[in-house]
Amino acid sequence: MIGPALPPFLDLAGTAIFALTGALLAARLRQTFVTMAFFALVTGVGGGSLRDMLLGAPAFWLHSPWVAAVIFATALVAWFTPRRWWDNELLEWADAMGLAAFAVLGAAKALAFGVAPLPAAVLGIVTGCAGGVIRDVIAGEPSILMRPELYVTAAALSAILTVGGEVAGLPAVIAWSVAWAAGFALRGTAIRWRLALPSYREGKERDKVSEPADPPPPKNDR
């Protein structure tokens, strides 16, 4: 089961951050408060619930008296604050915080359950990305995974650094802090400067350009 190195409040903090992204998306879509609270719920607990299901553990939020209350409070904050506070790229920045946090939490909890390092890193990536994917699918928005900017790569960086810190024997608070900061910084850099990995089509087009042209057919002399 979960060791003492994974305090429950960390799940609560990650849930609150991701719940805010769900509430902000509902606000951007001008939905009712009920819809906003629902978006906050499914976004906040989506990644952690999938993580716990794959680990064969009880869903973290079903046995906590605080998770639902924090999600509801987050929805209230988004509802009563001026909409201009949440304009521009704030939704993406909040999502970047949640992405890195849940990637760290997913990898750390997998390690606490005795999962091998590589699968633990993969579970961290899945945990970090799942909440945002669920949010976008329900909203009918293009999934964040389908955009070219670095997203899964940022989750992978956080998860791999978390596992690497555990393997190296670093104190958990240091390893997790560095892993979260690195993933958040990479995602933030991608948001700011639209950094992206090359797509498949771009790679094929480069291959075409680099290939030598076919020689012209020989002329018939008469």
Protein backbone atom coordinates (compact mmCIF):
# COMPACT_ATOMS: atom_id res chain seq x y z
CA MET A 1 0.00 0.00 0.00
CA ILE A 2 0.97 3.66 0.00
CA GLY A 3 4.03 4.35 2.07
CA PRO A 4 4.48 7.31 4.39
CA ALA A 5 6.56 9.06 1.69
CA LEU A 6 3.40 9.98 -0.24
CA PRO A 7 1.35 12.33 1.96
CA PRO A 8 -2.34 12.56 1.07
CA PHE A 9 -2.23 16.37 0.85
CA LEU A 10 -0.15 16.08 -2.33
CA ASP A 11 -3.03 14.37 -4.11
CA LEU A 12 -5.26 17.13 -2.77
CA ALA A 13 -3.01 19.88 -4.14
CA GLY A 14 -2.76 18.24 -7.57
CA THR A 15 -6.51 17.73 -7.64
CA ALA A 16 -7.17 21.39 -6.83
CA ILE A 17 -4.88 22.59 -9.62
CA PHE A 18 -6.47 20.36 -12.25
CA ALA A 19 -9.98 21.08 -10.96
CA LEU A 20 -9.27 24.76 -11.57
CA THR A 21 -8.50 24.06 -15.23
CA GLY A 22 -11.83 22.28 -15.61
CA ALA A 23 -13.71 25.12 -13.95
CA LEU A 24 -11.90 27.71 -16.09
CA LEU A 25 -12.76 25.90 -19.29
CA ALA A 26 -16.43 25.82 -18.28
CA ALA A 27 -16.22 29.56 -17.51
CA ARG A 28 -14.71 30.21 -20.92
CA LEU A 29 -17.61 28.29 -22.47
CA ARG A 30 -20.06 30.37 -20.36
CA GLN A 31 -21.62 27.35 -18.63
CA THR A 32 -23.73 27.21 -15.46
CA PHE A 33 -22.22 26.71 -12.02
CA VAL A 34 -23.41 23.09 -11.96
CA THR A 35 -21.56 22.40 -15.20
CA MET A 36 -18.51 24.24 -13.88
CA ALA A 37 -18.48 22.10 -10.72
CA PHE A 38 -18.86 18.94 -12.81
CA PHE A 39 -15.97 19.94 -15.07
CA ALA A 40 -13.86 20.65 -11.99
CA LEU A 41 -14.73 17.22 -10.56
CA VAL A 42 -13.98 15.07 -13.60
CA THR A 43 -10.81 17.00 -14.41
CA GLY A 44 -9.56 17.02 -10.84
CA VAL A 45 -10.03 13.32 -10.12
CA GLY A 46 -9.69 11.87 -13.64
CA GLY A 47 -5.94 11.26 -13.71
CA GLY A 48 -5.71 10.08 -10.11
CA SER A 49 -8.68 7.74 -10.51
CA LEU A 50 -7.15 6.11 -13.59
CA ARG A 51 -3.85 5.77 -11.73
CA ASP A 52 -5.49 4.08 -8.75
CA MET A 53 -7.54 1.78 -10.98
CA LEU A 54 -4.39 0.58 -12.77
CA LEU A 55 -2.65 0.07 -9.42
CA GLY A 56 -5.60 -1.86 -8.01
CA ALA A 57 -5.99 0.70 -5.22
CA PRO A 58 -9.16 2.39 -3.90
CA ALA A 59 -9.83 5.65 -5.73
CA PHE A 60 -8.09 8.30 -3.66
CA TRP A 61 -11.05 10.68 -3.55
CA LEU A 62 -13.75 8.22 -2.46
CA HIS A 63 -12.37 7.86 1.05
CA SER A 64 -11.28 11.43 1.64
CA PRO A 65 -13.58 14.01 3.25
CA TRP A 66 -11.60 16.82 1.65
CA VAL A 67 -11.36 16.15 -2.08
CA ALA A 68 -14.98 16.92 -2.99
CA ALA A 69 -14.94 19.99 -0.74
CA VAL A 70 -11.75 21.33 -2.34
CA ILE A 71 -13.15 20.77 -5.84
CA PHE A 72 -16.39 22.55 -4.94
CA ALA A 73 -14.43 25.45 -3.40
CA THR A 74 -12.29 25.67 -6.54
CA ALA A 75 -15.41 25.90 -8.69
CA LEU A 76 -16.73 28.66 -6.43
CA VAL A 77 -13.50 30.62 -6.81
CA ALA A 78 -13.71 30.39 -10.59
CA TRP A 79 -17.40 31.34 -10.54
CA PHE A 80 -17.15 34.43 -8.35
CA THR A 81 -13.91 35.92 -9.65
CA PRO A 82 -13.91 38.31 -12.63
CA ARG A 83 -13.69 36.54 -15.96
CA ARG A 84 -10.87 38.82 -17.10
CA TRP A 85 -8.64 37.15 -14.49
CA TRP A 86 -8.85 33.91 -16.45
CA ASP A 87 -8.39 35.29 -19.96
CA ASN A 88 -5.39 34.83 -22.20
CA GLU A 89 -3.20 31.79 -21.43
CA LEU A 90 -4.00 31.33 -17.73
CA LEU A 91 -5.94 28.12 -18.40
CA GLU A 92 -2.91 26.64 -20.15
CA TRP A 93 -0.57 27.69 -17.34
CA ALA A 94 -2.84 26.14 -14.72
CA ASP A 95 -3.00 23.00 -16.83
CA ALA A 96 0.81 22.96 -16.99
CA MET A 97 0.97 23.03 -13.18
CA GLY A 98 -1.52 20.18 -12.89
CA LEU A 99 0.19 18.17 -15.63
CA ALA A 100 3.55 18.24 -13.87
CA ALA A 101 2.03 17.66 -10.42
CA PHE A 102 0.04 14.58 -11.42
CA ALA A 103 2.93 13.17 -13.45
CA VAL A 104 5.06 13.31 -10.29
CA LEU A 105 2.26 11.91 -8.12
CA GLY A 106 1.51 9.09 -10.54
CA ALA A 107 5.13 7.97 -10.74
CA ALA A 108 5.70 8.34 -7.00
CA LYS A 109 2.59 6.36 -6.07
CA ALA A 110 3.47 3.62 -8.56
CA LEU A 111 6.90 3.31 -6.96
CA ALA A 112 5.30 3.19 -3.51
CA PHE A 113 3.21 0.24 -4.72
CA GLY A 114 6.32 -1.60 -5.85
CA VAL A 115 5.99 -0.96 -9.59
CA ALA A 116 9.25 -1.23 -11.54
CA PRO A 117 10.87 2.09 -12.54
CA LEU A 118 10.00 2.13 -16.25
CA PRO A 119 6.30 1.20 -15.84
CA ALA A 120 6.13 3.66 -12.94
CA ALA A 121 7.31 6.45 -15.25
CA VAL A 122 4.74 5.43 -17.88
CA LEU A 123 1.99 5.51 -15.25
CA GLY A 124 3.15 8.97 -14.23
CA ILE A 125 2.76 10.16 -17.82
CA VAL A 126 -0.72 8.64 -18.10
CA THR A 127 -1.76 10.15 -14.77
CA GLY A 128 -0.57 13.59 -15.78
CA CYS A 129 -2.31 13.62 -19.15
CA ALA A 130 -5.60 11.85 -18.38
CA GLY A 131 -7.37 14.67 -16.55
CA GLY A 132 -6.81 17.18 -19.34
CA VAL A 133 -7.88 14.70 -22.00
CA ILE A 134 -11.12 13.89 -20.15
CA ARG A 135 -11.83 17.61 -19.71
CA ASP A 136 -11.34 18.39 -23.41
CA VAL A 137 -13.38 15.41 -24.61
CA ILE A 138 -16.37 16.32 -22.43
CA ALA A 139 -16.15 19.95 -23.52
CA GLY A 140 -16.01 19.00 -27.19
CA GLU A 141 -12.70 20.83 -27.48
CA PRO A 142 -9.74 19.60 -29.55
CA SER A 143 -7.71 17.42 -27.21
CA ILE A 144 -4.52 18.93 -25.88
CA LEU A 145 -2.78 15.76 -27.06
CA MET A 146 -3.59 16.64 -30.67
CA ARG A 147 -1.82 19.99 -30.54
CA PRO A 148 1.77 20.18 -31.72
CA GLU A 149 3.22 21.89 -28.62
CA LEU A 150 5.16 19.83 -26.10
CA TYR A 151 2.70 18.29 -23.63
CA VAL A 152 3.23 14.57 -23.13
CA THR A 153 6.97 15.29 -23.27
CA ALA A 154 6.66 17.59 -20.27
CA ALA A 155 4.77 14.92 -18.31
CA ALA A 156 7.42 12.40 -19.31
CA LEU A 157 10.18 14.67 -18.01
CA SER A 158 8.50 15.03 -14.61
CA ALA A 159 7.78 11.31 -14.34
CA ILE A 160 11.28 10.24 -15.39
CA LEU A 161 12.95 12.65 -12.97
CA THR A 162 10.71 11.39 -10.17
CA VAL A 163 11.73 7.80 -10.87
CA GLY A 164 15.36 8.81 -11.34
CA GLY A 165 15.40 10.58 -7.99
CA GLU A 166 14.00 7.48 -6.29
CA VAL A 167 16.55 5.21 -7.96
CA ALA A 168 19.37 7.59 -6.99
CA GLY A 169 18.21 7.63 -3.38
CA LEU A 170 17.49 11.38 -3.28
CA PRO A 171 15.16 12.73 -0.58
CA ALA A 172 11.61 12.61 -1.89
CA VAL A 173 10.89 16.29 -1.33
CA ILE A 174 13.93 17.28 -3.42
CA ALA A 175 13.31 14.76 -6.21
CA TRP A 176 9.62 15.63 -6.50
CA SER A 177 10.22 19.38 -6.37
CA VAL A 178 12.86 19.23 -9.10
CA ALA A 179 10.70 16.89 -11.21
CA TRP A 180 7.65 19.15 -10.92
CA ALA A 181 9.64 22.31 -11.66
CA ALA A 182 11.31 20.75 -14.71
CA GLY A 183 8.05 19.49 -16.22
CA PHE A 184 6.28 22.78 -15.52
CA ALA A 185 9.17 24.77 -17.00
CA LEU A 186 9.23 22.67 -20.17
CA ARG A 187 5.48 22.96 -20.65
CA GLY A 188 5.62 26.68 -19.87
CA THR A 189 8.37 27.16 -22.44
CA ALA A 190 6.23 25.35 -25.00
CA ILE A 191 3.27 27.61 -24.19
CA ARG A 192 5.34 30.77 -24.39
CA TRP A 193 7.25 29.99 -27.58
CA ARG A 194 5.01 27.29 -29.11
CA LEU A 195 7.75 24.69 -29.05
CA ALA A 196 6.76 21.44 -30.72
CA LEU A 197 8.18 18.16 -31.88
CA PRO A 198 8.21 17.62 -35.66
CA SER A 199 5.08 15.95 -36.95
CA TYR A 200 5.05 12.88 -39.16
CA ARG A 201 4.13 14.86 -42.30
CA GLU A 202 6.93 17.35 -41.70
CA GLY A 203 9.42 14.53 -41.41
CA LYS A 204 8.23 12.96 -44.66
CA GLU A 205 8.44 16.31 -46.45
CA ARG A 206 12.02 16.76 -45.27
CA ASP A 207 12.84 13.30 -46.54
CA LYS A 208 11.42 14.25 -49.93
CA VAL A 209 13.50 17.39 -50.09
CA SER A 210 16.67 15.53 -49.16
CA GLU A 211 16.15 12.75 -51.69
CA PRO A 212 18.05 13.27 -54.97
CA ALA A 213 15.89 13.92 -57.96
CA ASP A 214 15.52 11.14 -60.48
CA PRO A 215 17.85 11.58 -63.48
CA PRO A 216 16.14 12.71 -66.67
CA PRO A 217 15.41 9.99 -69.26
CA PRO A 218 18.07 9.64 -71.97
CA LYS A 219 17.46 11.49 -75.18
CA ASN A 220 17.13 9.57 -78.43
CA ASP A 221 19.72 10.70 -80.95
CA ARG A 222 18.56 10.67 -84.52
